[in-house]
Structure formats: structure tokens, C-alpha cells
Amino acid sequence: MKQKIKIIGKKILSLLSIPVIIGAFVFAHSISQKELCKDILIHFENNEHSFVTNENIIGLLNSKNIHQQKTKLSEIDIQQLERQIEENEWIKNADIYIDANHVLNINILQKEPNIRIQPENDFEDPYYLDNNANKIPYSSQYIPNLPIATVYELSYSSQDLAIKRDLVKIANFLKADTFWSAAITQIVVNRSGQIELTPALGKYTILIGDADRLDYKMNKLFEFLQQGLTTIKWDKYDEIDLRFDKQIVCRNLRGELFSNDPIEKPSQRMITANLIENTQPKEIKTNTTIVSATPVTPKIQKVIPKNIEQKKEEAPKIKATQQVKKNDEVVGKANPIKQEKEIEKVKSKEIVIVKPKEIAVKQESKKNIETPKIEKPKETKKEVTEVKQSKFFNEN
């Protein structure tokens, strides 16, 4: 009996406490609605971007007559305010609440751009793509540092949507790798819908087609840059094609195809042989003169001494000998009578003419042969034809 009375008493107390609790909430709500908004706090979750600033949000709140220390909390419609903030084209989500200190808290999540699209047409402005390939409009207030893709026109078709997703994938790959982010400066979508990469060094383009097996293609390109272009000039090719499996096709300005295949096949050996042959120097069919280093014996000219009158008293004493090499034997010496006649003729004309003759001396002979002292003329420099364009001469 006593237990039943206790149970009934608990039920009555619980019923009486419900109105008290409800009344307390109503009273507290009525008091809070009369309170003013003491402060406004704005927080950006991804503050690395500045598409939207505190000033933009404060301006929006002021346009809705929401001011701190002036606006009552009862006059603030939180849900409507969230929708109005999310109407901003650079804001992805907004979360608003009022805390116990009567402070209006606004948490904002901005849209995250992934790549910048630069259309080549005249009727479309630049824009960005987020990670889901959704379009983000261009903002003159803030320009992020992102990979740039040049396209002609991308619509909302399934094919163009696939291209947009490939561009986002390539941009994520470049941003995740410091080497490729510095090595690749631009992404291009050509008229046929194929994706090309523009390197920072060289005048060639890198054709990847799409973003399928992107890691494999870029690793293959890295090996080619390390091994292939170390022996060939960087400006040799106009295009490097990575679309094929286990090979890289390079096209030069003349349209010739060269292949670099890790697995040499018979069909590829012929291409490789053509590559080696084209890179070897060929004969130059021009008017270029090739200068050789063969020594040239200068011609001995007549020596006419000056001031002969002062040197008349000192007549040159010439002791000339002549030897004739015949069958490796010395035949004899020159006739001294003829030599004296020549000297008298020279004295009469007051001009000394020295005529050197070819002297052949047998190598086995150990005799010292006296030769006339002949004043050697200065060596004349031979005219050398300068070779300006030739593969066989490298300028040091």
C-alpha cells in the first residue's frame, strides 16, 4: 500500500514539474529576445583564399540591418541569413548560430579553386574549376596561383565534362609534385580535344591526350628527359608524344618520326637507326675551305742592303760550296774561279746578291761544311680562309 502511494506521488510531482520547466524556457527565451547582438564573429575555414573577406560579410549584414549593439537577437532570422550568404558565388557553405554570450557567430567555407581556365574565344571570361570540376567565376579581388589551362571552348556535354575532370586531375598532380609544378608552365586543350603540356625549358610541346595513367606517362617523360635529351639538343623536336604504351614518339619540325622504345622491336630498330644516322655529321657541300696545318717553307727573297757606300770597304767573303747528290755520293765542290768572278761582278754593280742553292748533304757524312751566312727574310704570314659554318670546327 505504501509503495503505491509513493508511485502516485512521484507521478504527480513529475506532472507538476513539466509546466515549471516550460515556463523557465519561455521566460529565458523572452529575456534573450530582448537582448541586443553584442558582437559579430566571422570565421573562414579555408583562409588561404580571399574570394570573400570580413568586409564583404559585414557589408551584407549591414544591408540586412544587422548591426552589433543595435540589432535585437529576435530580429535575426538565422536560416534566411545563411541562405543569403550562400548566394555568394564564391561561398560553398555558411553556418550561423548565437552563443550564450549573445554573440552572432558566422562560419564560412569558400569554394576551393583547383585550376584556372583561360578561354581562347572572345565571348567567354576566365574561370576556375573546383575539385568536382564545377565552375567558379573569375574574381578581380583575388587571383590565386594555380595551373593555367588554355582551351578554345568547353560546353556542358559529356565529352567536355570528361576533359574538365582530366584538367582537374592534371592540376592536382602538378600541385602535389614540386618538380613538375616548376617544369610545366601551362596546359593546353587543342581543337581536337587532346591535352598538351607546355614545359618551362625548350620549344617543344608534350602531348598526353588525356589523364589516364598520368603517373606512368609522367614517369616515362622523366626518364626521357634524363637519358634521351642528354645526347640530343633540346630544340631538336617540336612535339613529344606520350600517348603510346612503352614508347615515346618525337616529331621534329620536318615531320620526321623518331621513337625511343625501352623494348627494342624490329620495327623500332629501323627508326632508331634513322635517328642515329640523322644526328651524325654529314659532308658539307658548300664553298667552305678547310684549312690544314701543314707547314709551308717561305720563299727566300732578294736582300738589298741599304747604305752600300758605307760598307764598300767590307766586302763579303763568300765561301760557297756545292755538292751534288748522286747515287748517295758527294761528286765534288764548286769551282772557286767562278765564285771569284761572281764576286767581282757584284762589287762593280755595288749590289750584293745572294743566290742560295739547294745543298744536299749525305746523312752519313760527318764533315763540317761551311755555308754562307744568309740573312733570312721575315716570314710572311699565309692568308688563312676563316671557316665560319662547319660541323668539323668547334670554336674554343
Protein backbone atom coordinates (compact mmCIF):
# COMPACT_ATOMS: atom_id res chain seq x y z
CA MET A 1 0.00 0.00 0.00
CA LYS A 2 2.82 2.38 0.90
CA GLN A 3 4.61 1.59 -2.34
CA LYS A 4 1.55 2.52 -4.40
CA ILE A 5 1.31 5.85 -2.58
CA LYS A 6 4.97 6.59 -3.37
CA ILE A 7 4.48 5.81 -7.04
CA ILE A 8 1.43 8.05 -7.27
CA GLY A 9 3.28 10.87 -5.54
CA LYS A 10 6.19 10.67 -8.00
CA LYS A 11 3.84 10.87 -10.95
CA ILE A 12 2.11 13.94 -9.53
CA LEU A 13 5.45 15.68 -8.96
CA SER A 14 6.63 14.90 -12.47
CA LEU A 15 3.45 16.34 -13.93
CA LEU A 16 3.81 19.48 -11.89
CA SER A 17 7.48 19.93 -12.88
CA ILE A 18 6.76 19.98 -16.63
CA PRO A 19 4.98 23.35 -16.63
CA VAL A 20 7.70 24.77 -14.43
CA ILE A 21 10.40 23.72 -16.87
CA ILE A 22 8.46 25.02 -19.86
CA GLY A 23 7.85 28.30 -18.13
CA ALA A 24 11.55 28.66 -17.38
CA PHE A 25 12.43 28.15 -21.04
CA VAL A 26 9.80 30.64 -22.18
CA PHE A 27 10.99 33.19 -19.68
CA ALA A 28 14.61 32.74 -20.66
CA HIS A 29 13.69 32.99 -24.37
CA SER A 30 11.69 36.15 -23.79
CA ILE A 31 14.63 37.69 -21.96
CA SER A 32 17.12 36.65 -24.69
CA GLN A 33 14.93 38.02 -27.47
CA LYS A 34 15.06 41.40 -25.83
CA GLU A 35 18.87 41.29 -25.70
CA LEU A 36 20.98 43.05 -28.30
CA CYS A 37 23.59 41.40 -30.51
CA LYS A 38 26.73 42.19 -28.58
CA ASP A 39 29.25 41.18 -31.24
CA ILE A 40 29.66 39.52 -34.65
CA LEU A 41 32.41 36.95 -35.19
CA ILE A 42 33.25 35.75 -38.73
CA HIS A 43 35.43 32.70 -39.24
CA PHE A 44 36.73 31.34 -42.58
CA GLU A 45 37.56 27.64 -42.57
CA ASN A 46 39.88 27.87 -45.61
CA ASN A 47 41.51 31.23 -45.12
CA GLU A 48 44.24 30.62 -47.75
CA HIS A 49 41.82 32.06 -50.32
CA SER A 50 40.43 35.58 -50.22
CA PHE A 51 37.50 35.48 -52.61
CA VAL A 52 35.37 36.68 -49.68
CA THR A 53 36.61 38.89 -46.82
CA ASN A 54 35.24 40.11 -43.49
CA GLU A 55 34.32 43.40 -45.13
CA ASN A 56 32.14 41.57 -47.67
CA ILE A 57 30.19 39.75 -44.93
CA ILE A 58 29.84 42.85 -42.76
CA GLY A 59 28.55 44.75 -45.78
CA LEU A 60 25.95 42.04 -46.39
CA LEU A 61 24.83 42.12 -42.72
CA ASN A 62 24.54 45.91 -42.76
CA SER A 63 22.40 45.71 -45.88
CA LYS A 64 20.05 43.45 -43.85
CA ASN A 65 20.02 45.93 -40.93
CA ILE A 66 22.06 43.67 -38.69
CA HIS A 67 24.46 45.64 -36.52
CA GLN A 68 26.23 44.82 -33.33
CA GLN A 69 24.98 46.58 -30.16
CA LYS A 70 21.95 47.80 -32.16
CA THR A 71 20.07 44.80 -33.52
CA LYS A 72 17.97 42.63 -31.23
CA LEU A 73 18.56 38.90 -31.38
CA SER A 74 14.85 38.39 -32.01
CA GLU A 75 15.16 40.30 -35.28
CA ILE A 76 17.79 37.95 -36.72
CA ASP A 77 16.46 35.13 -38.91
CA ILE A 78 19.37 32.68 -38.87
CA GLN A 79 18.16 30.34 -41.64
CA GLN A 80 17.35 33.16 -44.02
CA LEU A 81 20.69 34.79 -43.31
CA GLU A 82 22.51 31.53 -44.15
CA ARG A 83 20.72 31.30 -47.48
CA GLN A 84 21.56 34.89 -48.34
CA ILE A 85 25.24 34.39 -47.57
CA GLU A 86 25.38 31.15 -49.59
CA GLU A 87 24.06 33.03 -52.61
CA ASN A 88 27.55 34.45 -52.97
CA GLU A 89 29.18 32.69 -55.95
CA TRP A 90 32.46 32.12 -54.09
CA ILE A 91 30.91 30.70 -50.87
CA LYS A 92 30.19 27.00 -50.62
CA ASN A 93 28.57 26.80 -47.16
CA ALA A 94 27.63 29.11 -44.26
CA ASP A 95 26.87 28.07 -40.67
CA ILE A 96 25.39 30.69 -38.27
CA TYR A 97 24.45 30.47 -34.57
CA ILE A 98 24.10 32.66 -31.45
CA ASP A 99 26.01 31.61 -28.36
CA ALA A 100 25.17 32.17 -24.68
CA ASN A 101 27.08 35.45 -24.68
CA HIS A 102 24.70 36.91 -27.29
CA VAL A 103 27.39 36.85 -29.96
CA LEU A 104 26.49 36.15 -33.60
CA ASN A 105 28.93 33.54 -34.98
CA ILE A 106 29.26 33.05 -38.75
CA ASN A 107 31.40 30.17 -40.14
CA ILE A 108 32.06 30.36 -43.88
CA LEU A 109 33.54 27.76 -46.22
CA GLN A 110 34.77 29.25 -49.51
CA LYS A 111 34.85 27.39 -52.79
CA GLU A 112 38.28 25.92 -53.47
CA PRO A 113 39.63 26.57 -56.99
CA ASN A 114 41.82 23.90 -58.50
CA ILE A 115 42.76 25.18 -61.95
CA ARG A 116 42.29 28.34 -63.93
CA ILE A 117 40.66 28.07 -67.35
CA GLN A 118 41.66 30.66 -69.93
CA PRO A 119 39.35 30.50 -72.99
CA GLU A 120 40.81 31.50 -76.34
CA ASN A 121 37.49 32.84 -77.65
CA ASP A 122 36.34 36.45 -77.33
CA PHE A 123 32.96 35.86 -75.67
CA GLU A 124 33.95 33.95 -72.52
CA ASP A 125 35.70 35.25 -69.40
CA PRO A 126 38.30 33.27 -67.44
CA TYR A 127 37.01 30.99 -64.70
CA TYR A 128 38.13 28.32 -62.25
CA LEU A 129 37.28 24.68 -61.67
CA ASP A 130 36.99 23.12 -58.22
CA ASN A 131 37.85 19.53 -57.31
CA ASN A 132 34.48 18.36 -58.66
CA ALA A 133 35.01 20.19 -61.98
CA ASN A 134 32.35 22.74 -61.04
CA LYS A 135 32.72 26.23 -62.42
CA ILE A 136 33.87 29.08 -60.15
CA PRO A 137 33.64 32.59 -61.62
CA TYR A 138 36.68 34.79 -62.02
CA SER A 139 37.30 37.37 -59.29
CA SER A 140 39.28 40.58 -59.76
CA GLN A 141 39.53 40.88 -55.98
CA TYR A 142 41.67 37.76 -55.59
CA ILE A 143 43.73 35.81 -58.16
CA PRO A 144 45.15 32.55 -56.78
CA ASN A 145 48.38 30.99 -58.03
CA LEU A 146 47.10 27.94 -59.91
CA PRO A 147 47.96 25.91 -63.02
CA ILE A 148 46.57 27.55 -66.15
CA ALA A 149 44.78 25.65 -68.91
CA THR A 150 44.18 27.28 -72.28
CA VAL A 151 41.08 25.95 -74.05
CA TYR A 152 39.05 27.03 -77.03
CA GLU A 153 35.57 26.32 -75.68
CA LEU A 154 34.17 23.80 -73.19
CA SER A 155 30.46 23.19 -73.04
CA TYR A 156 28.40 21.03 -70.68
CA SER A 157 28.48 17.93 -72.88
CA SER A 158 29.69 14.61 -71.54
CA GLN A 159 32.88 14.81 -73.62
CA ASP A 160 33.74 18.31 -72.38
CA LEU A 161 32.90 17.30 -68.82
CA ALA A 162 35.43 14.46 -69.12
CA ILE A 163 38.03 16.97 -70.33
CA LYS A 164 37.31 19.20 -67.32
CA ARG A 165 37.80 16.28 -64.95
CA ASP A 166 41.09 15.41 -66.68
CA LEU A 167 42.25 19.01 -66.25
CA VAL A 168 41.44 18.87 -62.53
CA LYS A 169 43.36 15.60 -62.22
CA ILE A 170 46.41 17.02 -64.01
CA ALA A 171 46.31 20.16 -61.86
CA ASN A 172 46.25 18.07 -58.67
CA PHE A 173 49.21 16.06 -59.95
CA LEU A 174 51.25 19.17 -60.71
CA LYS A 175 50.49 20.81 -57.36
CA ALA A 176 51.46 17.66 -55.47
CA ASP A 177 54.90 17.42 -57.14
CA THR A 178 57.32 20.32 -56.75
CA PHE A 179 59.41 19.25 -59.77
CA TRP A 180 56.53 19.08 -62.23
CA SER A 181 54.91 22.23 -60.83
CA ALA A 182 58.11 24.08 -61.79
CA ALA A 183 58.77 22.16 -65.04
CA ILE A 184 55.26 22.57 -66.55
CA THR A 185 54.03 26.11 -67.06
CA GLN A 186 50.78 25.65 -68.97
CA ILE A 187 48.15 23.10 -70.01
CA VAL A 188 46.60 23.36 -73.47
CA VAL A 189 43.50 21.67 -74.90
CA ASN A 190 43.80 21.73 -78.70
CA ARG A 191 40.95 21.83 -81.20
CA SER A 192 40.76 18.03 -81.35
CA GLY A 193 40.27 17.78 -77.58
CA GLN A 194 43.77 16.43 -76.88
CA ILE A 195 45.63 17.73 -73.82
CA GLU A 196 49.14 19.14 -74.24
CA LEU A 197 51.67 20.36 -71.68
CA THR A 198 54.00 23.32 -72.18
CA PRO A 199 57.40 22.92 -70.46
CA ALA A 200 59.40 25.71 -68.88
CA LEU A 201 62.53 24.74 -70.89
CA GLY A 202 62.55 24.03 -74.60
CA LYS A 203 60.29 24.92 -77.51
CA TYR A 204 58.55 21.56 -77.76
CA THR A 205 55.11 20.50 -76.51
CA ILE A 206 54.23 17.35 -74.56
CA LEU A 207 51.17 15.53 -75.89
CA ILE A 208 49.48 13.31 -73.26
CA GLY A 209 45.99 13.06 -74.80
CA ASP A 210 44.09 12.57 -71.54
CA ALA A 211 44.75 12.00 -67.84
CA ASP A 212 44.55 8.19 -67.97
CA ARG A 213 47.66 6.55 -66.43
CA LEU A 214 49.06 10.00 -65.77
CA ASP A 215 51.71 8.75 -63.32
CA TYR A 216 53.03 6.27 -65.90
CA LYS A 217 53.20 8.90 -68.64
CA MET A 218 55.00 11.45 -66.49
CA ASN A 219 57.50 8.87 -65.19
CA LYS A 220 58.23 7.88 -68.77
CA LEU A 221 58.74 11.52 -69.66
CA PHE A 222 61.08 12.00 -66.70
CA GLU A 223 63.28 9.08 -67.86
CA PHE A 224 63.34 10.50 -71.38
CA LEU A 225 64.41 13.92 -70.11
CA GLN A 226 67.18 12.29 -68.08
CA GLN A 227 68.53 9.88 -70.70
CA GLY A 228 67.24 10.89 -74.13
CA LEU A 229 67.74 14.63 -74.26
CA THR A 230 71.20 14.49 -72.70
CA THR A 231 72.63 13.36 -76.05
CA ILE A 232 70.29 15.32 -78.32
CA LYS A 233 69.68 19.05 -78.40
CA TRP A 234 66.59 20.32 -76.61
CA ASP A 235 65.33 22.12 -79.71
CA LYS A 236 65.59 19.02 -81.88
CA TYR A 237 61.90 18.15 -81.57
CA ASP A 238 58.67 20.02 -81.92
CA GLU A 239 56.44 17.53 -80.11
CA ILE A 240 56.90 14.64 -77.64
CA ASP A 241 54.01 12.18 -77.72
CA LEU A 242 53.36 10.11 -74.57
CA ARG A 243 50.08 8.52 -75.62
CA PHE A 244 51.56 5.19 -76.67
CA ASP A 245 52.48 2.28 -74.45
CA LYS A 246 56.17 1.59 -73.76
CA GLN A 247 57.43 4.17 -76.21
CA ILE A 248 57.81 7.88 -76.81
CA VAL A 249 57.26 9.32 -80.28
CA CYS A 250 59.10 12.55 -81.08
CA ARG A 251 58.23 14.76 -84.03
CA ASN A 252 60.59 17.36 -85.37
CA LEU A 253 59.83 20.43 -87.44
CA ARG A 254 60.22 18.49 -90.70
CA GLY A 255 57.61 15.96 -89.65
CA GLU A 256 60.01 13.02 -89.29
CA LEU A 257 59.22 10.45 -86.61
CA PHE A 258 61.77 9.20 -84.11
CA SER A 259 60.98 6.59 -81.48
CA ASN A 260 62.56 5.80 -78.14
CA ASP A 261 61.31 2.36 -77.13
CA PRO A 262 62.64 0.64 -73.97
CA ILE A 263 61.82 -2.73 -75.56
CA GLU A 264 63.51 -2.72 -78.94
CA LYS A 265 61.39 -4.33 -81.62
CA PRO A 266 62.42 -4.92 -85.24
CA SER A 267 60.14 -2.12 -86.39
CA GLN A 268 61.64 0.25 -83.86
CA ARG A 269 65.27 -0.58 -84.64
CA MET A 270 64.86 0.91 -88.09
CA ILE A 271 63.51 4.13 -86.59
CA THR A 272 66.34 4.23 -84.06
CA ALA A 273 68.91 3.68 -86.81
CA ASN A 274 67.42 6.58 -88.76
CA LEU A 275 67.67 8.71 -85.65
CA ILE A 276 71.37 7.90 -85.23
CA GLU A 277 72.05 8.49 -88.91
CA ASN A 278 70.28 11.84 -88.89
CA THR A 279 72.23 13.00 -85.86
CA GLN A 280 75.68 12.18 -87.33
CA PRO A 281 77.51 14.99 -89.19
CA LYS A 282 77.37 14.79 -92.96
CA GLU A 283 79.70 16.17 -95.63
CA ILE A 284 79.30 19.84 -96.21
CA LYS A 285 78.65 20.60 -99.86
CA THR A 286 79.44 24.29 -99.75
CA ASN A 287 82.23 26.60 -100.76
CA THR A 288 83.86 26.25 -97.36
CA THR A 289 87.66 25.99 -97.44
CA ILE A 290 89.16 23.57 -94.96
CA VAL A 291 92.46 24.85 -93.63
CA SER A 292 95.11 22.24 -92.90
CA ALA A 293 98.04 22.60 -90.53
CA THR A 294 100.82 21.58 -92.98
CA PRO A 295 103.96 23.74 -92.61
CA VAL A 296 104.89 25.92 -95.57
CA THR A 297 108.52 26.81 -96.40
CA PRO A 298 108.74 30.56 -97.01
CA LYS A 299 110.28 31.79 -100.24
CA ILE A 300 113.70 33.45 -99.91
CA GLN A 301 113.61 36.88 -101.49
CA LYS A 302 116.46 39.05 -102.71
CA VAL A 303 118.11 41.05 -99.99
CA ILE A 304 119.25 44.51 -101.00
CA PRO A 305 121.21 46.07 -98.13
CA LYS A 306 120.94 49.77 -97.50
CA ASN A 307 123.82 52.24 -97.20
CA ILE A 308 126.06 50.26 -99.53
CA GLU A 309 128.55 53.11 -99.85
CA GLN A 310 129.39 52.89 -96.19
CA LYS A 311 130.04 49.16 -96.48
CA LYS A 312 132.20 49.16 -99.63
CA GLU A 313 135.34 48.52 -97.70
CA GLU A 314 133.83 45.48 -96.04
CA ALA A 315 133.28 43.20 -98.97
CA PRO A 316 131.52 39.98 -98.08
CA LYS A 317 133.69 36.99 -98.13
CA ILE A 318 131.63 34.19 -99.58
CA LYS A 319 132.85 30.70 -99.41
CA ALA A 320 130.26 28.74 -101.31
CA THR A 321 130.39 25.07 -101.79
CA GLN A 322 128.27 22.99 -103.99
CA GLN A 323 127.57 19.39 -103.53
CA VAL A 324 125.56 17.25 -105.85
CA LYS A 325 123.86 14.19 -104.57
CA LYS A 326 124.12 11.41 -107.00
CA ASN A 327 123.67 7.79 -106.08
CA ASP A 328 124.19 8.78 -102.42
CA GLU A 329 127.75 10.08 -103.18
CA VAL A 330 129.31 13.53 -102.99
CA VAL A 331 130.51 14.42 -106.52
CA GLY A 332 132.63 17.46 -105.79
CA LYS A 333 132.92 21.05 -104.70
CA ALA A 334 132.01 24.23 -106.56
CA ASN A 335 134.61 25.89 -108.85
CA PRO A 336 136.35 28.68 -106.89
CA ILE A 337 137.25 30.60 -110.09
CA LYS A 338 133.58 31.05 -110.98
CA GLN A 339 132.86 32.23 -107.47
CA GLU A 340 135.55 34.96 -107.68
CA LYS A 341 134.10 36.20 -110.98
CA GLU A 342 130.66 36.48 -109.47
CA ILE A 343 132.06 38.44 -106.52
CA GLU A 344 133.85 40.91 -108.89
CA LYS A 345 130.60 41.46 -110.79
CA VAL A 346 128.79 42.16 -107.56
CA LYS A 347 131.44 44.69 -106.48
CA SER A 348 131.23 46.52 -109.81
CA LYS A 349 127.46 46.94 -109.51
CA GLU A 350 127.74 47.82 -105.80
CA ILE A 351 124.90 45.39 -105.08
CA VAL A 352 125.33 42.14 -103.25
CA ILE A 353 123.02 39.40 -104.47
CA VAL A 354 122.99 36.17 -102.64
CA LYS A 355 121.64 33.21 -104.57
CA PRO A 356 121.21 30.29 -102.24
CA LYS A 357 121.31 26.93 -103.88
CA GLU A 358 120.00 23.66 -102.72
CA ILE A 359 122.68 21.85 -100.76
CA ALA A 360 122.39 18.12 -100.36
CA VAL A 361 124.46 16.61 -97.65
CA LYS A 362 124.73 12.91 -97.16
CA GLN A 363 123.39 11.90 -93.78
CA GLU A 364 126.31 9.59 -93.14
CA SER A 365 128.87 12.31 -93.82
CA LYS A 366 130.48 13.70 -90.69
CA LYS A 367 132.30 16.58 -92.41
CA ASN A 368 131.50 20.07 -91.36
CA ILE A 369 130.57 22.06 -94.44
CA GLU A 370 130.80 25.81 -94.23
CA THR A 371 127.69 27.54 -95.58
CA PRO A 372 127.31 31.21 -96.35
CA LYS A 373 125.59 33.36 -93.81
CA ILE A 374 122.35 34.35 -95.45
CA GLU A 375 120.12 36.95 -93.97
CA LYS A 376 116.72 35.33 -93.68
CA PRO A 377 113.78 37.49 -94.60
CA LYS A 378 110.88 37.80 -92.28
CA GLU A 379 108.35 35.05 -92.63
CA THR A 380 105.24 36.17 -94.41
CA LYS A 381 102.00 35.09 -92.86
CA LYS A 382 99.96 32.97 -95.12
CA GLU A 383 96.46 34.16 -95.74
CA VAL A 384 94.06 31.87 -93.90
CA THR A 385 90.46 31.47 -95.00
CA GLU A 386 88.20 31.71 -92.00
CA VAL A 387 85.69 28.89 -91.67
CA LYS A 388 82.52 30.30 -90.20
CA GLN A 389 79.99 27.49 -90.61
CA SER A 390 81.24 23.93 -90.36
CA LYS A 391 80.41 20.98 -88.15
CA PHE A 392 84.03 19.92 -88.12
CA PHE A 393 85.37 23.04 -86.41
CA ASN A 394 84.33 23.98 -82.94
CA GLU A 395 85.04 27.45 -81.70
CA ASN A 396 87.01 27.29 -78.47
